[in-house]
Amino acid sequence: MTDMSRTSASFQRFISDAPDHKAAWFQAVQALGAASTLDVKTQSLIYIGILAALRLESGVGFHVMEAKARGASRDDIISAVLTGLPAAGNGVISALGPALDAFDGA
């Protein structure tokens, strides 16, 4: 599993204070991943694009490191963040900084 220190303080609190819910959440995430026909790198990149479109920057760093570990390049990360630009608008741009900071190890 990727380093959880890149998750938001709220998510870390969820993990520590609600272990039963965390276990259920992680089980659901793993089952959904297993049901997907996409390779794990593609799944990671799509998820980053969704986080950007929903303006959930707090989760971007963690998922960028996961995508990087699965073979995503810096250009893949940029493309994933900006793919939603036509549909979601320029709000996705706010995720670009946190994504590249995580990828570059800042």
C-alpha atoms as a PDB file:
ATOM      1  CA  MET A   1       0.000   0.000   0.000  1.00  0.00           C
ATOM      2  CA  THR A   2       1.141   3.539  -0.699  1.00  0.00           C
ATOM      3  CA  ASP A   3       2.398   5.745   2.144  1.00  0.00           C
ATOM      4  CA  MET A   4      -0.707   6.974   3.983  1.00  0.00           C
ATOM      5  CA  SER A   5       1.099  10.127   5.145  1.00  0.00           C
ATOM      6  CA  ARG A   6       0.026  11.679   1.821  1.00  0.00           C
ATOM      7  CA  THR A   7      -3.642  11.404   2.788  1.00  0.00           C
ATOM      8  CA  SER A   8      -5.556  14.296   4.289  1.00  0.00           C
ATOM      9  CA  ALA A   9      -5.744  14.780   8.043  1.00  0.00           C
ATOM     10  CA  SER A  10      -9.456  13.985   7.856  1.00  0.00           C
ATOM     11  CA  PHE A  11      -8.816  10.683   6.096  1.00  0.00           C
ATOM     12  CA  GLN A  12      -6.070   9.780   8.570  1.00  0.00           C
ATOM     13  CA  ARG A  13      -8.531  10.472  11.386  1.00  0.00           C
ATOM     14  CA  PHE A  14     -11.095   8.248   9.669  1.00  0.00           C
ATOM     15  CA  ILE A  15      -8.499   5.452   9.501  1.00  0.00           C
ATOM     16  CA  SER A  16      -7.491   5.751  13.135  1.00  0.00           C
ATOM     17  CA  ASP A  17     -10.847   6.447  14.772  1.00  0.00           C
ATOM     18  CA  ALA A  18     -13.226   4.301  12.737  1.00  0.00           C
ATOM     19  CA  PRO A  19     -11.377   1.018  12.099  1.00  0.00           C
ATOM     20  CA  ASP A  20     -14.488  -1.018  11.274  1.00  0.00           C
ATOM     21  CA  HIS A  21     -15.668   1.544   8.747  1.00  0.00           C
ATOM     22  CA  LYS A  22     -12.139   1.802   7.353  1.00  0.00           C
ATOM     23  CA  ALA A  23     -12.038  -1.960   6.867  1.00  0.00           C
ATOM     24  CA  ALA A  24     -15.388  -1.918   5.080  1.00  0.00           C
ATOM     25  CA  TRP A  25     -14.305   1.007   2.906  1.00  0.00           C
ATOM     26  CA  PHE A  26     -10.996  -0.625   1.942  1.00  0.00           C
ATOM     27  CA  GLN A  27     -12.757  -3.914   1.183  1.00  0.00           C
ATOM     28  CA  ALA A  28     -15.185  -2.104  -1.145  1.00  0.00           C
ATOM     29  CA  VAL A  29     -12.333  -0.240  -2.861  1.00  0.00           C
ATOM     30  CA  GLN A  30     -10.418  -3.487  -3.432  1.00  0.00           C
ATOM     31  CA  ALA A  31     -13.521  -5.271  -4.753  1.00  0.00           C
ATOM     32  CA  LEU A  32     -14.312  -2.438  -7.166  1.00  0.00           C
ATOM     33  CA  GLY A  33     -10.731  -2.453  -8.404  1.00  0.00           C
ATOM     34  CA  ALA A  34     -10.825  -6.205  -8.917  1.00  0.00           C
ATOM     35  CA  ALA A  35     -14.091  -5.935 -10.862  1.00  0.00           C
ATOM     36  CA  SER A  36     -12.630  -3.401 -13.281  1.00  0.00           C
ATOM     37  CA  THR A  37     -11.363  -4.518 -16.665  1.00  0.00           C
ATOM     38  CA  LEU A  38      -8.882  -1.624 -16.695  1.00  0.00           C
ATOM     39  CA  ASP A  39      -5.255  -2.095 -15.725  1.00  0.00           C
ATOM     40  CA  VAL A  40      -4.261  -0.578 -12.371  1.00  0.00           C
ATOM     41  CA  LYS A  41      -2.276   2.295 -13.889  1.00  0.00           C
ATOM     42  CA  THR A  42      -5.246   3.374 -16.006  1.00  0.00           C
ATOM     43  CA  GLN A  43      -7.574   3.057 -13.008  1.00  0.00           C
ATOM     44  CA  SER A  44      -5.244   5.281 -10.990  1.00  0.00           C
ATOM     45  CA  LEU A  45      -5.061   7.930 -13.704  1.00  0.00           C
ATOM     46  CA  ILE A  46      -8.831   7.997 -14.137  1.00  0.00           C
ATOM     47  CA  TYR A  47      -9.275   8.343 -10.384  1.00  0.00           C
ATOM     48  CA  ILE A  48      -6.890  11.321 -10.323  1.00  0.00           C
ATOM     49  CA  GLY A  49      -8.926  12.942 -13.095  1.00  0.00           C
ATOM     50  CA  ILE A  50     -12.113  12.403 -11.106  1.00  0.00           C
ATOM     51  CA  LEU A  51     -10.559  13.889  -7.968  1.00  0.00           C
ATOM     52  CA  ALA A  52      -9.496  16.924  -9.996  1.00  0.00           C
ATOM     53  CA  ALA A  53     -12.959  17.328 -11.539  1.00  0.00           C
ATOM     54  CA  LEU A  54     -14.596  17.103  -8.116  1.00  0.00           C
ATOM     55  CA  ARG A  55     -12.011  19.518  -6.671  1.00  0.00           C
ATOM     56  CA  LEU A  56     -10.882  17.021  -4.045  1.00  0.00           C
ATOM     57  CA  GLU A  57      -7.255  18.120  -4.004  1.00  0.00           C
ATOM     58  CA  SER A  58      -6.670  16.653  -0.542  1.00  0.00           C
ATOM     59  CA  GLY A  59      -6.670  13.152  -2.029  1.00  0.00           C
ATOM     60  CA  VAL A  60      -4.553  13.942  -5.063  1.00  0.00           C
ATOM     61  CA  GLY A  61      -1.084  13.470  -3.515  1.00  0.00           C
ATOM     62  CA  PHE A  62      -1.813   9.980  -2.253  1.00  0.00           C
ATOM     63  CA  HIS A  63      -3.299   8.823  -5.540  1.00  0.00           C
ATOM     64  CA  VAL A  64      -0.528  10.403  -7.603  1.00  0.00           C
ATOM     65  CA  MET A  65       2.063   8.420  -5.645  1.00  0.00           C
ATOM     66  CA  GLU A  66      -0.015   5.289  -6.165  1.00  0.00           C
ATOM     67  CA  ALA A  67      -0.191   5.982  -9.916  1.00  0.00           C
ATOM     68  CA  LYS A  68       3.550   6.671 -10.038  1.00  0.00           C
ATOM     69  CA  ALA A  69       4.222   3.337  -8.321  1.00  0.00           C
ATOM     70  CA  ARG A  70       2.051   1.707 -10.981  1.00  0.00           C
ATOM     71  CA  GLY A  71       4.149   3.167 -13.806  1.00  0.00           C
ATOM     72  CA  ALA A  72       2.530   6.541 -14.507  1.00  0.00           C
ATOM     73  CA  SER A  73       4.814   9.262 -15.818  1.00  0.00           C
ATOM     74  CA  ARG A  74       4.732  12.949 -14.909  1.00  0.00           C
ATOM     75  CA  ASP A  75       3.098  13.646 -18.286  1.00  0.00           C
ATOM     76  CA  ASP A  76       0.478  10.962 -17.539  1.00  0.00           C
ATOM     77  CA  ILE A  77      -0.363  12.790 -14.292  1.00  0.00           C
ATOM     78  CA  ILE A  78      -0.685  16.130 -16.081  1.00  0.00           C
ATOM     79  CA  SER A  79      -2.950  14.560 -18.695  1.00  0.00           C
ATOM     80  CA  ALA A  80      -5.070  12.836 -16.051  1.00  0.00           C
ATOM     81  CA  VAL A  81      -5.628  16.086 -14.151  1.00  0.00           C
ATOM     82  CA  LEU A  82      -6.400  18.124 -17.254  1.00  0.00           C
ATOM     83  CA  THR A  83      -8.547  15.589 -19.148  1.00  0.00           C
ATOM     84  CA  GLY A  84     -11.654  16.900 -17.391  1.00  0.00           C
ATOM     85  CA  LEU A  85     -10.950  20.506 -18.370  1.00  0.00           C
ATOM     86  CA  PRO A  86     -13.550  20.680 -21.185  1.00  0.00           C
ATOM     87  CA  ALA A  87     -16.303  19.047 -19.118  1.00  0.00           C
ATOM     88  CA  ALA A  88     -15.514  20.237 -15.591  1.00  0.00           C
ATOM     89  CA  GLY A  89     -13.994  23.609 -16.372  1.00  0.00           C
ATOM     90  CA  ASN A  90     -10.887  25.263 -15.076  1.00  0.00           C
ATOM     91  CA  GLY A  91     -11.491  23.965 -11.539  1.00  0.00           C
ATOM     92  CA  VAL A  92      -9.369  20.956 -12.456  1.00  0.00           C
ATOM     93  CA  ILE A  93      -6.351  23.266 -12.718  1.00  0.00           C
ATOM     94  CA  SER A  94      -6.311  23.653  -8.937  1.00  0.00           C
ATOM     95  CA  ALA A  95      -5.322  19.982  -8.641  1.00  0.00           C
ATOM     96  CA  LEU A  96      -2.316  20.361 -10.939  1.00  0.00           C
ATOM     97  CA  GLY A  97       0.006  21.895  -8.329  1.00  0.00           C
ATOM     98  CA  PRO A  98      -0.671  19.304  -5.623  1.00  0.00           C
ATOM     99  CA  ALA A  99      -0.402  16.514  -8.186  1.00  0.00           C
ATOM    100  CA  LEU A 100       2.958  17.616  -9.530  1.00  0.00           C
ATOM    101  CA  ASP A 101       4.281  18.414  -6.041  1.00  0.00           C
ATOM    102  CA  ALA A 102       3.463  14.845  -5.004  1.00  0.00           C
ATOM    103  CA  PHE A 103       4.965  13.358  -8.159  1.00  0.00           C
ATOM    104  CA  ASP A 104       8.126  15.426  -7.877  1.00  0.00           C
ATOM    105  CA  GLY A 105       8.455  14.614  -4.177  1.00  0.00           C
ATOM    106  CA  ALA A 106       7.926  18.133  -2.870  1.00  0.00           C
END
